[in-house]
Structures are given as C-alpha cells and as structure tokens.
Amino acid sequence: MIARAIQGFSAVAVLLVSGCTAESPTTPSAAASPVSVTFASNLTPGGTVTRLFTAAVPGTVTLTLDSLAQPVTVGLSLGLTRADGAGCYGSTSVQATAGSSPQLSIAVDAGNYCAAIYDIGTIVESMTFSMTIVHP
C-alpha cells in the first residue's frame, strides 16, 4: 500500500516538474522607432489645421511643411493636446515656407501632442498643403 502511494506521488511529481520551464530574464524593449505621419488638407485665410498625435516614448518631434500650393509664409506650431481632446495649446511656433528639411524640431516627453499649420495673414484664398510629423 505504501509502495503504491509512493509510486503515485512520484508520477504526480514527474508530471508537475515536466510542466515547469525556466524563465529567461526579460530585457527592456528597445525604444520605439520614430513614426512618420504625412497629412494633406486645405488651409483657408485666417484658418488653422491641427493634427493630434501621441509620442510613445521621449524623443524628438520634427515638423516639415512639405508643400504649399502658393509660395507664402505660414505658421507652424507644436504643442500639447487639450485635456478634452478638442484642440491644441501651441507652445513652440515658427514662421515657415515649404521645403524638404524640418522647419521645427523639439524634444518631448511621452504624451499627447498636436501640430498645427496656420495662416499669419499671407493667404488670400484656400490652398492645399502637405506636412510630415515625425515623432517617437
């Protein structure tokens, strides 16, 4: 009787041990690759167009005004998304013309941000634009 109990216990112990695996230590994941978002829209006289985005990790955000239908100067802004998600608190802005190099670059923490393009009084009719946001 005792021999059977020991034999049964041994079988259960083998099953339990065979189901265990050694866990390898985890390593922190690498920083997220930069995300590039290009969007196009229309900018009207006196208007503002805003795009919301989330930086997953700290890093650098760049804004590039790739194209603008007219060769005029406009405002570009980078800021924090309002708590209600309905707008943007611009904190850094520049006046820019379209080009292939970033016109605005700023270090950010992880969080919710917004990029904006706006008329500074140079637009007389609605025009198309294309802007690229690169963020962590």
N, C-alpha and C. Protein backbone atom coordinates (compact mmCIF):
# COMPACT_ATOMS: atom_id res chain seq x y z
N MET A 1 0.82 -1.18 0.00
CA MET A 1 0.00 0.00 0.00
C MET A 1 0.86 1.25 0.00
N ILE A 2 1.87 1.29 0.87
CA ILE A 2 2.76 2.44 0.94
C ILE A 2 3.55 2.55 -0.36
N ALA A 3 3.96 1.42 -0.94
CA ALA A 3 4.71 1.44 -2.19
C ALA A 3 3.87 2.06 -3.30
N ARG A 4 2.57 1.74 -3.36
CA ARG A 4 1.69 2.32 -4.37
C ARG A 4 1.54 3.83 -4.16
N ALA A 5 1.43 4.26 -2.91
CA ALA A 5 1.29 5.68 -2.62
C ALA A 5 2.54 6.43 -3.06
N ILE A 6 3.70 5.86 -2.79
CA ILE A 6 4.96 6.49 -3.20
C ILE A 6 5.05 6.52 -4.72
N GLN A 7 4.66 5.41 -5.34
CA GLN A 7 4.69 5.34 -6.79
C GLN A 7 3.75 6.39 -7.40
N GLY A 8 2.57 6.56 -6.84
CA GLY A 8 1.62 7.56 -7.32
C GLY A 8 2.14 8.98 -7.12
N PHE A 9 2.77 9.21 -5.96
CA PHE A 9 3.34 10.51 -5.69
C PHE A 9 4.46 10.81 -6.67
N SER A 10 5.27 9.83 -6.99
CA SER A 10 6.37 10.02 -7.93
C SER A 10 5.83 10.39 -9.31
N ALA A 11 4.74 9.75 -9.74
CA ALA A 11 4.17 10.05 -11.05
C ALA A 11 3.64 11.48 -11.09
N VAL A 12 2.99 11.92 -10.02
CA VAL A 12 2.47 13.28 -9.96
C VAL A 12 3.63 14.28 -9.96
N ALA A 13 4.70 14.00 -9.22
CA ALA A 13 5.85 14.89 -9.16
C ALA A 13 6.50 15.02 -10.53
N VAL A 14 6.59 13.90 -11.29
CA VAL A 14 7.17 13.95 -12.62
C VAL A 14 6.31 14.81 -13.53
N LEU A 15 5.00 14.67 -13.45
CA LEU A 15 4.11 15.48 -14.27
C LEU A 15 4.25 16.97 -13.92
N LEU A 16 4.32 17.28 -12.64
CA LEU A 16 4.44 18.68 -12.24
C LEU A 16 5.77 19.28 -12.70
N VAL A 17 6.85 18.54 -12.53
CA VAL A 17 8.17 19.05 -12.91
C VAL A 17 8.27 19.17 -14.42
N SER A 18 7.70 18.23 -15.16
CA SER A 18 7.81 18.30 -16.61
C SER A 18 7.03 19.48 -17.17
N GLY A 19 6.04 19.99 -16.45
CA GLY A 19 5.28 21.14 -16.91
C GLY A 19 5.95 22.47 -16.61
N CYS A 20 7.03 22.46 -15.82
CA CYS A 20 7.72 23.70 -15.46
C CYS A 20 8.80 24.00 -16.48
N THR A 21 8.96 25.25 -16.76
CA THR A 21 10.06 25.67 -17.63
C THR A 21 10.77 26.83 -16.95
N ALA A 22 12.03 26.90 -17.18
CA ALA A 22 12.80 28.01 -16.61
C ALA A 22 12.53 29.26 -17.44
N GLU A 23 12.27 30.35 -16.77
CA GLU A 23 12.02 31.60 -17.47
C GLU A 23 13.34 32.34 -17.66
N SER A 24 13.55 32.81 -18.86
CA SER A 24 14.76 33.60 -19.10
C SER A 24 14.48 35.03 -18.66
N PRO A 25 15.50 35.72 -18.21
CA PRO A 25 15.26 37.09 -17.78
C PRO A 25 14.81 37.95 -18.95
N THR A 26 13.92 38.88 -18.66
CA THR A 26 13.44 39.76 -19.72
C THR A 26 14.34 40.97 -19.83
N THR A 27 14.44 41.47 -21.03
CA THR A 27 15.22 42.68 -21.25
C THR A 27 14.26 43.78 -21.63
N PRO A 28 14.55 45.00 -21.24
CA PRO A 28 13.65 46.09 -21.62
C PRO A 28 13.57 46.20 -23.14
N SER A 29 12.38 46.50 -23.63
CA SER A 29 12.23 46.63 -25.08
C SER A 29 12.95 47.87 -25.56
N ALA A 30 13.40 47.81 -26.78
CA ALA A 30 14.11 48.94 -27.36
C ALA A 30 13.14 50.10 -27.55
N ALA A 31 13.67 51.28 -27.59
CA ALA A 31 12.83 52.46 -27.82
C ALA A 31 12.09 52.32 -29.14
N ALA A 32 10.88 52.80 -29.16
CA ALA A 32 10.06 52.72 -30.36
C ALA A 32 10.73 53.48 -31.51
N SER A 33 10.62 52.93 -32.68
CA SER A 33 11.16 53.61 -33.86
C SER A 33 10.33 54.86 -34.11
N PRO A 34 10.96 55.88 -34.68
CA PRO A 34 10.17 57.07 -34.98
C PRO A 34 9.01 56.75 -35.94
N VAL A 35 7.91 57.42 -35.72
CA VAL A 35 6.72 57.27 -36.55
C VAL A 35 6.63 58.49 -37.45
N SER A 36 6.42 58.27 -38.72
CA SER A 36 6.29 59.38 -39.67
C SER A 36 4.86 59.41 -40.20
N VAL A 37 4.20 60.55 -40.03
CA VAL A 37 2.83 60.73 -40.47
C VAL A 37 2.78 61.93 -41.40
N THR A 38 2.35 61.70 -42.63
CA THR A 38 2.18 62.79 -43.58
C THR A 38 0.69 63.00 -43.80
N PHE A 39 0.26 64.23 -43.72
CA PHE A 39 -1.14 64.50 -43.98
C PHE A 39 -1.26 65.74 -44.86
N ALA A 40 -2.34 65.79 -45.59
CA ALA A 40 -2.61 66.89 -46.51
C ALA A 40 -4.03 67.39 -46.26
N SER A 41 -4.21 68.68 -46.43
CA SER A 41 -5.52 69.27 -46.24
C SER A 41 -5.54 70.63 -46.91
N ASN A 42 -6.55 71.43 -46.59
CA ASN A 42 -6.67 72.79 -47.11
C ASN A 42 -6.52 73.78 -45.96
N LEU A 43 -5.79 74.84 -46.22
CA LEU A 43 -5.64 75.93 -45.26
C LEU A 43 -6.36 77.14 -45.84
N THR A 44 -7.26 77.71 -45.06
CA THR A 44 -8.06 78.85 -45.52
C THR A 44 -7.51 80.15 -44.94
N PRO A 45 -7.87 81.28 -45.53
CA PRO A 45 -7.43 82.56 -44.98
C PRO A 45 -7.87 82.68 -43.51
N GLY A 46 -6.93 83.01 -42.64
CA GLY A 46 -7.23 83.13 -41.21
C GLY A 46 -7.42 81.81 -40.49
N GLY A 47 -7.23 80.69 -41.19
CA GLY A 47 -7.53 79.37 -40.62
C GLY A 47 -6.35 78.67 -39.97
N THR A 48 -6.69 77.59 -39.29
CA THR A 48 -5.71 76.71 -38.63
C THR A 48 -6.13 75.27 -38.88
N VAL A 49 -5.17 74.42 -39.17
CA VAL A 49 -5.42 72.99 -39.30
C VAL A 49 -4.52 72.29 -38.29
N THR A 50 -5.12 71.43 -37.47
CA THR A 50 -4.41 70.77 -36.37
C THR A 50 -4.43 69.26 -36.54
N ARG A 51 -3.34 68.63 -36.16
CA ARG A 51 -3.25 67.16 -36.18
C ARG A 51 -2.77 66.70 -34.81
N LEU A 52 -3.52 65.80 -34.17
CA LEU A 52 -3.15 65.26 -32.85
C LEU A 52 -2.32 64.00 -33.04
N PHE A 53 -1.36 63.77 -32.13
CA PHE A 53 -0.56 62.54 -32.17
C PHE A 53 -0.05 62.24 -30.77
N THR A 54 0.42 61.02 -30.58
CA THR A 54 0.95 60.59 -29.29
C THR A 54 2.40 60.15 -29.45
N ALA A 55 3.26 60.72 -28.63
CA ALA A 55 4.66 60.26 -28.56
C ALA A 55 4.68 59.12 -27.55
N ALA A 56 5.07 57.94 -27.99
CA ALA A 56 5.04 56.76 -27.13
C ALA A 56 6.16 56.78 -26.10
N VAL A 57 7.27 57.38 -26.44
CA VAL A 57 8.44 57.47 -25.57
C VAL A 57 9.05 58.87 -25.74
N PRO A 58 9.92 59.27 -24.83
CA PRO A 58 10.60 60.56 -25.02
C PRO A 58 11.44 60.53 -26.29
N GLY A 59 11.60 61.68 -26.91
CA GLY A 59 12.40 61.77 -28.13
C GLY A 59 12.22 63.12 -28.78
N THR A 60 12.46 63.18 -30.07
CA THR A 60 12.38 64.43 -30.81
C THR A 60 11.24 64.39 -31.82
N VAL A 61 10.49 65.47 -31.88
CA VAL A 61 9.43 65.63 -32.87
C VAL A 61 9.93 66.65 -33.89
N THR A 62 9.72 66.33 -35.17
CA THR A 62 10.03 67.29 -36.22
C THR A 62 8.79 67.52 -37.07
N LEU A 63 8.62 68.77 -37.50
CA LEU A 63 7.55 69.14 -38.42
C LEU A 63 8.19 69.64 -39.70
N THR A 64 7.72 69.10 -40.83
CA THR A 64 8.20 69.53 -42.14
C THR A 64 7.01 69.91 -42.99
N LEU A 65 6.95 71.17 -43.39
CA LEU A 65 5.93 71.60 -44.34
C LEU A 65 6.46 71.23 -45.72
N ASP A 66 5.98 70.10 -46.24
CA ASP A 66 6.50 69.54 -47.49
C ASP A 66 6.08 70.36 -48.70
N SER A 67 4.82 70.77 -48.72
CA SER A 67 4.34 71.54 -49.88
C SER A 67 3.23 72.47 -49.46
N LEU A 68 3.13 73.55 -50.20
CA LEU A 68 2.09 74.55 -50.01
C LEU A 68 1.77 75.07 -51.39
N ALA A 69 0.49 75.16 -51.75
CA ALA A 69 0.08 75.50 -53.11
C ALA A 69 0.61 76.85 -53.58
N GLN A 70 0.83 77.77 -52.67
CA GLN A 70 1.38 79.10 -53.02
C GLN A 70 2.69 79.29 -52.26
N PRO A 71 3.62 80.02 -52.83
CA PRO A 71 4.90 80.25 -52.13
C PRO A 71 4.77 81.37 -51.09
N VAL A 72 4.04 81.10 -50.01
CA VAL A 72 3.83 82.09 -48.95
C VAL A 72 4.38 81.55 -47.63
N THR A 73 4.51 82.43 -46.66
CA THR A 73 4.95 82.05 -45.33
C THR A 73 3.71 81.80 -44.47
N VAL A 74 3.76 80.71 -43.70
CA VAL A 74 2.67 80.36 -42.78
C VAL A 74 3.28 80.05 -41.42
N GLY A 75 2.44 79.86 -40.44
CA GLY A 75 2.90 79.48 -39.11
C GLY A 75 2.80 77.98 -38.90
N LEU A 76 3.80 77.42 -38.24
CA LEU A 76 3.79 76.02 -37.80
C LEU A 76 3.92 76.03 -36.29
N SER A 77 3.18 75.17 -35.63
CA SER A 77 3.19 75.15 -34.18
C SER A 77 3.17 73.72 -33.67
N LEU A 78 3.83 73.51 -32.54
CA LEU A 78 3.82 72.23 -31.85
C LEU A 78 3.42 72.50 -30.42
N GLY A 79 2.50 71.71 -29.90
CA GLY A 79 2.05 71.95 -28.53
C GLY A 79 1.41 70.74 -27.91
N LEU A 80 0.76 70.98 -26.80
CA LEU A 80 0.08 69.93 -26.04
C LEU A 80 -1.38 69.86 -26.45
N THR A 81 -1.89 68.64 -26.50
CA THR A 81 -3.31 68.43 -26.78
C THR A 81 -4.11 68.87 -25.56
N ARG A 82 -5.21 69.57 -25.79
CA ARG A 82 -6.08 69.96 -24.69
C ARG A 82 -6.63 68.72 -24.01
N ALA A 83 -6.89 68.81 -22.73
CA ALA A 83 -7.40 67.68 -21.94
C ALA A 83 -8.68 67.10 -22.53
N ASP A 84 -9.53 67.95 -23.12
CA ASP A 84 -10.78 67.46 -23.68
C ASP A 84 -10.58 66.92 -25.10
N GLY A 85 -9.34 66.97 -25.62
CA GLY A 85 -9.04 66.44 -26.94
C GLY A 85 -9.57 67.29 -28.08
N ALA A 86 -10.09 68.47 -27.76
CA ALA A 86 -10.75 69.30 -28.78
C ALA A 86 -9.88 70.45 -29.26
N GLY A 87 -8.60 70.31 -29.16
CA GLY A 87 -7.76 71.39 -29.65
C GLY A 87 -6.34 71.27 -29.20
N CYS A 88 -5.64 72.39 -29.32
CA CYS A 88 -4.21 72.37 -29.15
C CYS A 88 -3.73 73.62 -28.42
N TYR A 89 -2.86 73.43 -27.45
CA TYR A 89 -2.18 74.55 -26.82
C TYR A 89 -0.80 74.64 -27.45
N GLY A 90 -0.63 75.50 -28.44
CA GLY A 90 0.66 75.65 -29.10
C GLY A 90 1.68 76.22 -28.15
N SER A 91 2.85 75.61 -28.07
CA SER A 91 3.87 76.11 -27.16
C SER A 91 5.12 76.58 -27.90
N THR A 92 5.36 76.03 -29.07
CA THR A 92 6.51 76.42 -29.88
C THR A 92 6.02 76.66 -31.29
N SER A 93 6.38 77.79 -31.86
CA SER A 93 5.92 78.06 -33.22
C SER A 93 7.01 78.78 -34.01
N VAL A 94 6.92 78.64 -35.33
CA VAL A 94 7.84 79.29 -36.25
C VAL A 94 7.04 79.74 -37.47
N GLN A 95 7.61 80.68 -38.20
CA GLN A 95 7.06 81.03 -39.50
C GLN A 95 7.91 80.29 -40.52
N ALA A 96 7.25 79.69 -41.53
CA ALA A 96 7.98 78.83 -42.45
C ALA A 96 7.38 78.87 -43.85
N THR A 97 8.21 78.48 -44.80
CA THR A 97 7.77 78.21 -46.17
C THR A 97 8.02 76.74 -46.43
N ALA A 98 7.39 76.20 -47.44
CA ALA A 98 7.55 74.78 -47.75
C ALA A 98 8.99 74.46 -48.11
N GLY A 99 9.43 73.27 -47.72
CA GLY A 99 10.78 72.83 -48.02
C GLY A 99 10.97 71.37 -47.65
N SER A 100 12.15 70.85 -47.92
CA SER A 100 12.40 69.44 -47.68
C SER A 100 13.05 69.16 -46.32
N SER A 101 13.49 70.17 -45.62
CA SER A 101 14.09 70.00 -44.29
C SER A 101 13.09 70.40 -43.22
N PRO A 102 13.16 69.75 -42.04
CA PRO A 102 12.23 70.13 -40.96
C PRO A 102 12.35 71.61 -40.61
N GLN A 103 11.22 72.25 -40.47
CA GLN A 103 11.20 73.66 -40.08
C GLN A 103 11.08 73.83 -38.57
N LEU A 104 10.67 72.76 -37.87
CA LEU A 104 10.52 72.82 -36.41
C LEU A 104 10.95 71.48 -35.84
N SER A 105 11.77 71.53 -34.80
CA SER A 105 12.26 70.32 -34.15
C SER A 105 12.33 70.59 -32.65
N ILE A 106 11.77 69.68 -31.85
CA ILE A 106 11.75 69.90 -30.40
C ILE A 106 11.76 68.56 -29.66
N ALA A 107 12.46 68.51 -28.53
CA ALA A 107 12.49 67.32 -27.68
C ALA A 107 11.20 67.28 -26.86
N VAL A 108 10.63 66.08 -26.74
CA VAL A 108 9.38 65.91 -26.00
C VAL A 108 9.47 64.70 -25.08
N ASP A 109 8.62 64.69 -24.08
CA ASP A 109 8.42 63.51 -23.24
C ASP A 109 7.31 62.68 -23.87
N ALA A 110 7.11 61.48 -23.38
CA ALA A 110 5.99 60.67 -23.85
C ALA A 110 4.70 61.42 -23.49
N GLY A 111 3.74 61.43 -24.41
CA GLY A 111 2.47 62.10 -24.12
C GLY A 111 1.72 62.48 -25.38
N ASN A 112 0.64 63.22 -25.19
CA ASN A 112 -0.23 63.64 -26.30
C ASN A 112 0.14 65.05 -26.75
N TYR A 113 0.32 65.19 -28.06
CA TYR A 113 0.76 66.45 -28.64
C TYR A 113 -0.08 66.79 -29.86
N CYS A 114 0.15 67.98 -30.38
CA CYS A 114 -0.54 68.41 -31.58
C CYS A 114 0.40 69.26 -32.42
N ALA A 115 0.19 69.18 -33.71
CA ALA A 115 0.93 70.01 -34.66
C ALA A 115 -0.11 70.83 -35.39
N ALA A 116 0.24 72.08 -35.71
CA ALA A 116 -0.71 72.94 -36.39
C ALA A 116 -0.01 73.75 -37.47
N ILE A 117 -0.75 74.02 -38.52
CA ILE A 117 -0.34 74.97 -39.54
C ILE A 117 -1.41 76.04 -39.55
N TYR A 118 -1.00 77.32 -39.63
CA TYR A 118 -1.99 78.38 -39.56
C TYR A 118 -1.58 79.57 -40.43
N ASP A 119 -2.59 80.30 -40.85
CA ASP A 119 -2.38 81.50 -41.67
C ASP A 119 -1.90 82.64 -40.76
N ILE A 120 -0.86 83.34 -41.20
CA ILE A 120 -0.36 84.50 -40.45
C ILE A 120 -0.75 85.80 -41.16
N GLY A 121 -1.72 85.69 -42.07
CA GLY A 121 -2.19 86.86 -42.80
C GLY A 121 -1.66 86.94 -44.23
N THR A 122 -1.05 85.87 -44.70
CA THR A 122 -0.47 85.86 -46.05
C THR A 122 -1.32 85.12 -47.07
N ILE A 123 -2.34 84.41 -46.62
CA ILE A 123 -3.16 83.60 -47.52
C ILE A 123 -4.40 84.40 -47.94
N VAL A 124 -4.64 84.47 -49.25
CA VAL A 124 -5.81 85.21 -49.74
C VAL A 124 -6.90 84.29 -50.25
N GLU A 125 -6.57 83.01 -50.50
CA GLU A 125 -7.57 82.03 -50.90
C GLU A 125 -7.16 80.66 -50.38
N SER A 126 -8.12 79.77 -50.23
CA SER A 126 -7.86 78.43 -49.72
C SER A 126 -6.79 77.75 -50.56
N MET A 127 -5.86 77.05 -49.88
CA MET A 127 -4.81 76.34 -50.61
C MET A 127 -4.47 75.03 -49.93
N THR A 128 -4.02 74.08 -50.73
CA THR A 128 -3.64 72.77 -50.21
C THR A 128 -2.23 72.82 -49.64
N PHE A 129 -1.99 71.93 -48.69
CA PHE A 129 -0.65 71.77 -48.12
C PHE A 129 -0.43 70.31 -47.78
N SER A 130 0.82 69.96 -47.56
CA SER A 130 1.19 68.65 -47.08
C SER A 130 2.26 68.85 -46.01
N MET A 131 2.07 68.21 -44.84
CA MET A 131 3.02 68.33 -43.73
C MET A 131 3.34 66.95 -43.19
N THR A 132 4.61 66.75 -42.81
CA THR A 132 5.04 65.49 -42.22
C THR A 132 5.44 65.72 -40.77
N ILE A 133 4.89 64.88 -39.90
CA ILE A 133 5.24 64.89 -38.47
C ILE A 133 6.02 63.60 -38.21
N VAL A 134 7.21 63.72 -37.65
CA VAL A 134 7.98 62.56 -37.24
C VAL A 134 8.07 62.63 -35.72
N HIS A 135 7.63 61.56 -35.05
CA HIS A 135 7.61 61.55 -33.57
C HIS A 135 7.99 60.19 -33.04
N PRO A 136 8.45 60.17 -31.76
CA PRO A 136 8.82 58.88 -31.14
C PRO A 136 7.59 58.06 -30.79
